[in-house]
Amino acid sequence: MTHAPIAVALDAPDLETAARWADLVTPHVSTVKVGLELYLRYGPDVIASVRGASGVQVFLDLKLHDIPNTVAGAARAVGRLRPAFLTVHAAGGPAMIRAAVEAAPHTKIAAVTVLTSLSESDLAAIGMAGPAGDAVRRLAALSVEAGATALVCSPHEVAALRAEVGPDITLITPGVRPAGSDTQDQARVATPEQALADGADLLVIGRPITGSPDPGAAAAAIAATLRRTTP
């Protein structure tokens, strides 16, 4: 059985819960995602705990954003853990992205374009020329040119980005919600089927799976739906 192209966001209150969720979902999904809170609380140990014996891909979502030298040091430090993906903020600029790419050669550097929680008015407030789709395309082109091999964008920008960057860049989409799910704090969302149809490679799904009474069954159900709807 092939694993579904889903990164389950392990936004757990403690390490034991994160490891249990990872264990339940890894038969069904390709990737588990460790975010800032979990990594800051438990450090590098969290990677081994969620990877377990399965060898599932780990997506380390730290969204590094600092001067190039500092980001290079941070990327080198976590690169030793061999995460499949490490996020940096595209807004850090080309030199910073390039520094991360060079410092972690065995990890795909995924540039975060525009956070899925930001609305058009938020972009205006922080001085970023919008609309969101234009900002995403601009940051995506800059990131790929600087060596990023993956991009994080909302489902609404996936089709345009695929046309912009071609087939070889991994497109990762948070803001994916199965039909009928609460959108929670995401402003730009789509169903898993739609995101894949538009060209996404990896879907980040958290609470619709981990908030379920049986995360393993929830992951299996979404994976089965994707298998039915993708060629």
Protein backbone atom coordinates (compact mmCIF):
# COMPACT_ATOMS: atom_id res chain seq x y z
CA MET A 1 0.00 0.00 0.00
CA THR A 2 1.39 3.42 -0.94
CA HIS A 3 1.38 6.10 1.71
CA ALA A 4 -0.81 9.13 1.07
CA PRO A 5 1.02 12.42 0.37
CA ILE A 6 -0.02 13.85 3.73
CA ALA A 7 2.10 15.46 6.43
CA VAL A 8 0.24 15.07 9.72
CA ALA A 9 0.86 18.10 11.92
CA LEU A 10 1.76 16.71 15.34
CA ASP A 11 0.73 19.78 17.34
CA ALA A 12 0.59 17.77 20.55
CA PRO A 13 0.72 18.98 24.16
CA ASP A 14 3.54 16.58 25.03
CA LEU A 15 6.08 14.21 23.51
CA GLU A 16 4.19 11.02 24.43
CA THR A 17 1.05 12.21 22.62
CA ALA A 18 3.05 13.26 19.55
CA ALA A 19 4.79 9.87 19.40
CA ARG A 20 1.46 8.03 19.82
CA TRP A 21 -0.19 10.06 17.04
CA ALA A 22 2.83 9.44 14.78
CA ASP A 23 2.64 5.71 15.47
CA LEU A 24 -1.09 5.65 14.60
CA VAL A 25 -0.84 7.59 11.33
CA THR A 26 2.43 6.32 9.82
CA PRO A 27 0.86 3.22 8.23
CA HIS A 28 -1.25 5.60 6.11
CA VAL A 29 0.75 8.79 5.44
CA SER A 30 4.20 9.62 4.08
CA THR A 31 5.19 12.33 6.53
CA VAL A 32 4.76 13.73 10.05
CA LYS A 33 5.29 17.42 10.81
CA VAL A 34 7.01 18.73 13.93
CA GLY A 35 6.31 22.39 14.62
CA LEU A 36 7.93 25.12 16.65
CA GLU A 37 6.19 24.46 19.97
CA LEU A 38 7.05 20.75 20.13
CA TYR A 39 10.64 21.31 18.97
CA LEU A 40 11.26 24.13 21.45
CA ARG A 41 9.83 22.07 24.31
CA TYR A 42 11.69 18.81 23.66
CA GLY A 43 14.52 19.66 21.25
CA PRO A 44 16.13 17.14 18.90
CA ASP A 45 14.74 14.16 20.88
CA VAL A 46 11.34 14.81 19.35
CA ILE A 47 12.58 13.78 15.90
CA ALA A 48 13.66 10.31 17.00
CA SER A 49 10.46 9.90 19.03
CA VAL A 50 8.07 10.63 16.14
CA ARG A 51 10.19 8.86 13.54
CA GLY A 52 10.04 5.66 15.56
CA ALA A 53 10.92 2.41 13.83
CA SER A 54 8.88 3.23 10.72
CA GLY A 55 11.38 5.67 9.23
CA VAL A 56 8.51 8.00 8.25
CA GLN A 57 9.62 11.30 6.67
CA VAL A 58 9.90 14.14 9.19
CA PHE A 59 8.96 17.66 8.17
CA LEU A 60 10.62 20.10 10.60
CA ASP A 61 8.54 23.25 10.47
CA LEU A 62 10.68 25.86 12.24
CA LYS A 63 10.22 28.71 9.73
CA LEU A 64 13.73 30.05 10.22
CA HIS A 65 14.04 33.79 9.56
CA ASP A 66 17.24 35.61 10.52
CA ILE A 67 20.48 36.86 8.99
CA PRO A 68 22.08 34.33 6.60
CA ASN A 69 24.89 33.34 8.96
CA THR A 70 22.50 32.58 11.83
CA VAL A 71 20.13 30.61 9.59
CA ALA A 72 23.07 28.64 8.18
CA GLY A 73 24.10 27.67 11.72
CA ALA A 74 20.57 26.67 12.67
CA ALA A 75 20.04 24.69 9.44
CA ARG A 76 23.36 22.90 9.96
CA ALA A 77 22.39 22.01 13.54
CA VAL A 78 19.03 20.48 12.62
CA GLY A 79 20.32 19.06 9.32
CA ARG A 80 22.18 16.44 11.36
CA LEU A 81 18.77 15.04 12.33
CA ARG A 82 18.07 14.38 8.62
CA PRO A 83 14.58 15.84 8.39
CA ALA A 84 13.10 15.40 4.92
CA PHE A 85 11.98 19.06 4.93
CA LEU A 86 12.96 22.19 6.86
CA THR A 87 11.04 25.44 6.51
CA VAL A 88 12.47 28.94 6.23
CA HIS A 89 10.63 32.21 5.58
CA ALA A 90 10.96 33.30 1.95
CA ALA A 91 10.77 36.90 3.21
CA GLY A 92 14.25 36.38 4.72
CA GLY A 93 15.58 36.93 1.20
CA PRO A 94 17.75 35.06 -1.31
CA ALA A 95 21.02 35.08 0.65
CA MET A 96 19.31 33.61 3.71
CA ILE A 97 17.57 30.88 1.69
CA ARG A 98 20.83 30.01 -0.09
CA ALA A 99 22.61 29.80 3.29
CA ALA A 100 20.04 27.27 4.53
CA VAL A 101 20.26 25.20 1.34
CA GLU A 102 24.06 25.01 1.53
CA ALA A 103 24.08 24.24 5.27
CA ALA A 104 21.63 21.30 5.09
CA PRO A 105 22.42 19.44 1.85
CA HIS A 106 20.45 16.30 2.74
CA THR A 107 17.24 18.19 3.55
CA LYS A 108 14.77 19.86 1.22
CA ILE A 109 14.58 23.54 2.16
CA ALA A 110 10.94 24.59 1.94
CA ALA A 111 10.37 28.33 1.65
CA VAL A 112 7.21 29.61 3.30
CA THR A 113 5.69 32.24 1.02
CA VAL A 114 2.69 33.86 2.75
CA LEU A 115 1.25 32.34 5.94
CA THR A 116 -2.18 30.81 5.35
CA SER A 117 -3.51 32.76 8.35
CA LEU A 118 -2.90 36.13 6.65
CA SER A 119 -5.73 37.95 4.90
CA GLU A 120 -5.37 40.69 2.27
CA SER A 121 -5.78 43.37 4.95
CA ASP A 122 -3.04 41.72 7.04
CA LEU A 123 -0.67 41.88 4.06
CA ALA A 124 -1.41 45.58 3.62
CA ALA A 125 -0.84 46.20 7.34
CA ILE A 126 2.64 44.63 7.26
CA GLY A 127 3.56 46.51 4.09
CA MET A 128 3.65 43.55 1.73
CA ALA A 129 2.44 44.36 -1.78
CA GLY A 130 -0.55 42.16 -2.50
CA PRO A 131 -2.86 40.66 -3.46
CA ALA A 132 -1.80 37.43 -1.75
CA GLY A 133 -1.42 35.51 -5.01
CA ASP A 134 1.03 38.08 -6.39
CA ALA A 135 3.06 38.13 -3.17
CA VAL A 136 3.21 34.32 -3.16
CA ARG A 137 4.39 34.12 -6.78
CA ARG A 138 7.03 36.81 -6.22
CA LEU A 139 8.42 35.09 -3.11
CA ALA A 140 8.24 31.65 -4.75
CA ALA A 141 10.29 32.74 -7.78
CA LEU A 142 12.88 34.36 -5.52
CA SER A 143 13.11 31.23 -3.33
CA VAL A 144 13.53 28.77 -6.20
CA GLU A 145 16.19 30.96 -7.74
CA ALA A 146 18.02 30.90 -4.38
CA GLY A 147 17.98 27.08 -4.35
CA ALA A 148 14.86 26.15 -2.39
CA THR A 149 13.49 22.83 -3.67
CA ALA A 150 10.11 23.08 -1.92
CA LEU A 151 7.56 25.82 -1.33
CA VAL A 152 4.80 26.22 1.23
CA CYS A 153 1.68 27.98 -0.03
CA SER A 154 -2.06 27.91 0.52
CA PRO A 155 -4.24 25.72 -1.73
CA HIS A 156 -5.48 28.89 -3.44
CA GLU A 157 -2.04 29.56 -4.95
CA VAL A 158 -1.03 26.00 -5.85
CA ALA A 159 -2.15 26.02 -9.49
CA ALA A 160 -0.51 29.38 -10.23
CA LEU A 161 2.71 28.34 -8.49
CA ARG A 162 2.89 25.04 -10.35
CA ALA A 163 2.68 27.02 -13.60
CA GLU A 164 5.33 29.44 -12.29
CA VAL A 165 7.97 27.00 -10.98
CA GLY A 166 7.43 23.87 -13.09
CA PRO A 167 7.18 20.20 -12.08
CA ASP A 168 10.39 19.69 -10.08
CA ILE A 169 9.61 21.84 -7.04
CA THR A 170 7.71 20.19 -4.18
CA LEU A 171 4.58 22.19 -3.34
CA ILE A 172 3.41 21.81 0.26
CA THR A 173 -0.03 23.07 1.21
CA PRO A 174 -1.35 23.74 4.70
CA GLY A 175 -4.92 25.00 4.96
CA VAL A 176 -6.23 21.63 3.76
CA ARG A 177 -9.52 20.63 5.33
CA PRO A 178 -11.65 17.58 4.44
CA ALA A 179 -15.18 18.56 3.37
CA GLY A 180 -17.28 19.42 6.42
CA SER A 181 -14.31 20.30 8.67
CA ASP A 182 -14.02 23.51 10.66
CA THR A 183 -11.59 25.94 8.96
CA GLN A 184 -10.24 27.03 12.41
CA ASP A 185 -7.44 29.66 12.09
CA GLN A 186 -6.78 29.20 8.37
CA ALA A 187 -7.99 31.94 6.03
CA ARG A 188 -7.32 30.25 2.67
CA VAL A 189 -8.44 26.62 2.57
CA ALA A 190 -9.40 23.75 0.21
CA THR A 191 -10.26 20.05 0.36
CA PRO A 192 -7.43 17.50 0.00
CA GLU A 193 -8.78 16.31 -3.36
CA GLN A 194 -8.88 19.85 -4.78
CA ALA A 195 -5.37 20.71 -3.51
CA LEU A 196 -3.89 17.60 -5.18
CA ALA A 197 -5.82 18.23 -8.39
CA ASP A 198 -4.37 21.75 -8.49
CA GLY A 199 -0.81 20.42 -8.28
CA ALA A 200 0.09 20.08 -4.59
CA ASP A 201 2.63 17.35 -3.71
CA LEU A 202 2.22 17.21 0.07
CA LEU A 203 -0.84 18.17 2.11
CA VAL A 204 -0.42 19.38 5.69
CA ILE A 205 -3.37 18.18 7.77
CA GLY A 206 -3.50 18.50 11.54
CA ARG A 207 -6.63 18.72 13.66
CA PRO A 208 -8.98 16.88 11.26
CA ILE A 209 -6.73 13.86 11.98
CA THR A 210 -5.18 14.45 15.41
CA GLY A 211 -8.38 15.91 16.89
CA SER A 212 -10.30 12.79 15.91
CA PRO A 213 -11.12 10.12 18.53
CA ASP A 214 -9.08 7.71 16.37
CA PRO A 215 -6.31 9.53 14.47
CA GLY A 216 -5.24 6.35 12.69
CA ALA A 217 -8.73 5.76 11.30
CA ALA A 218 -9.06 9.44 10.32
CA ALA A 219 -5.75 9.31 8.44
CA ALA A 220 -6.76 6.04 6.75
CA ALA A 221 -10.10 7.53 5.66
CA ILE A 222 -8.51 10.62 4.08
CA ALA A 223 -5.83 8.46 2.42
CA ALA A 224 -8.53 6.18 0.98
CA THR A 225 -10.45 9.17 -0.39
CA LEU A 226 -7.31 10.46 -2.10
CA ARG A 227 -6.59 7.07 -3.64
CA ARG A 228 -10.10 6.99 -5.10
CA THR A 229 -9.90 10.48 -6.59
CA THR A 230 -6.33 10.58 -7.95
CA PRO A 231 -5.24 8.71 -11.08
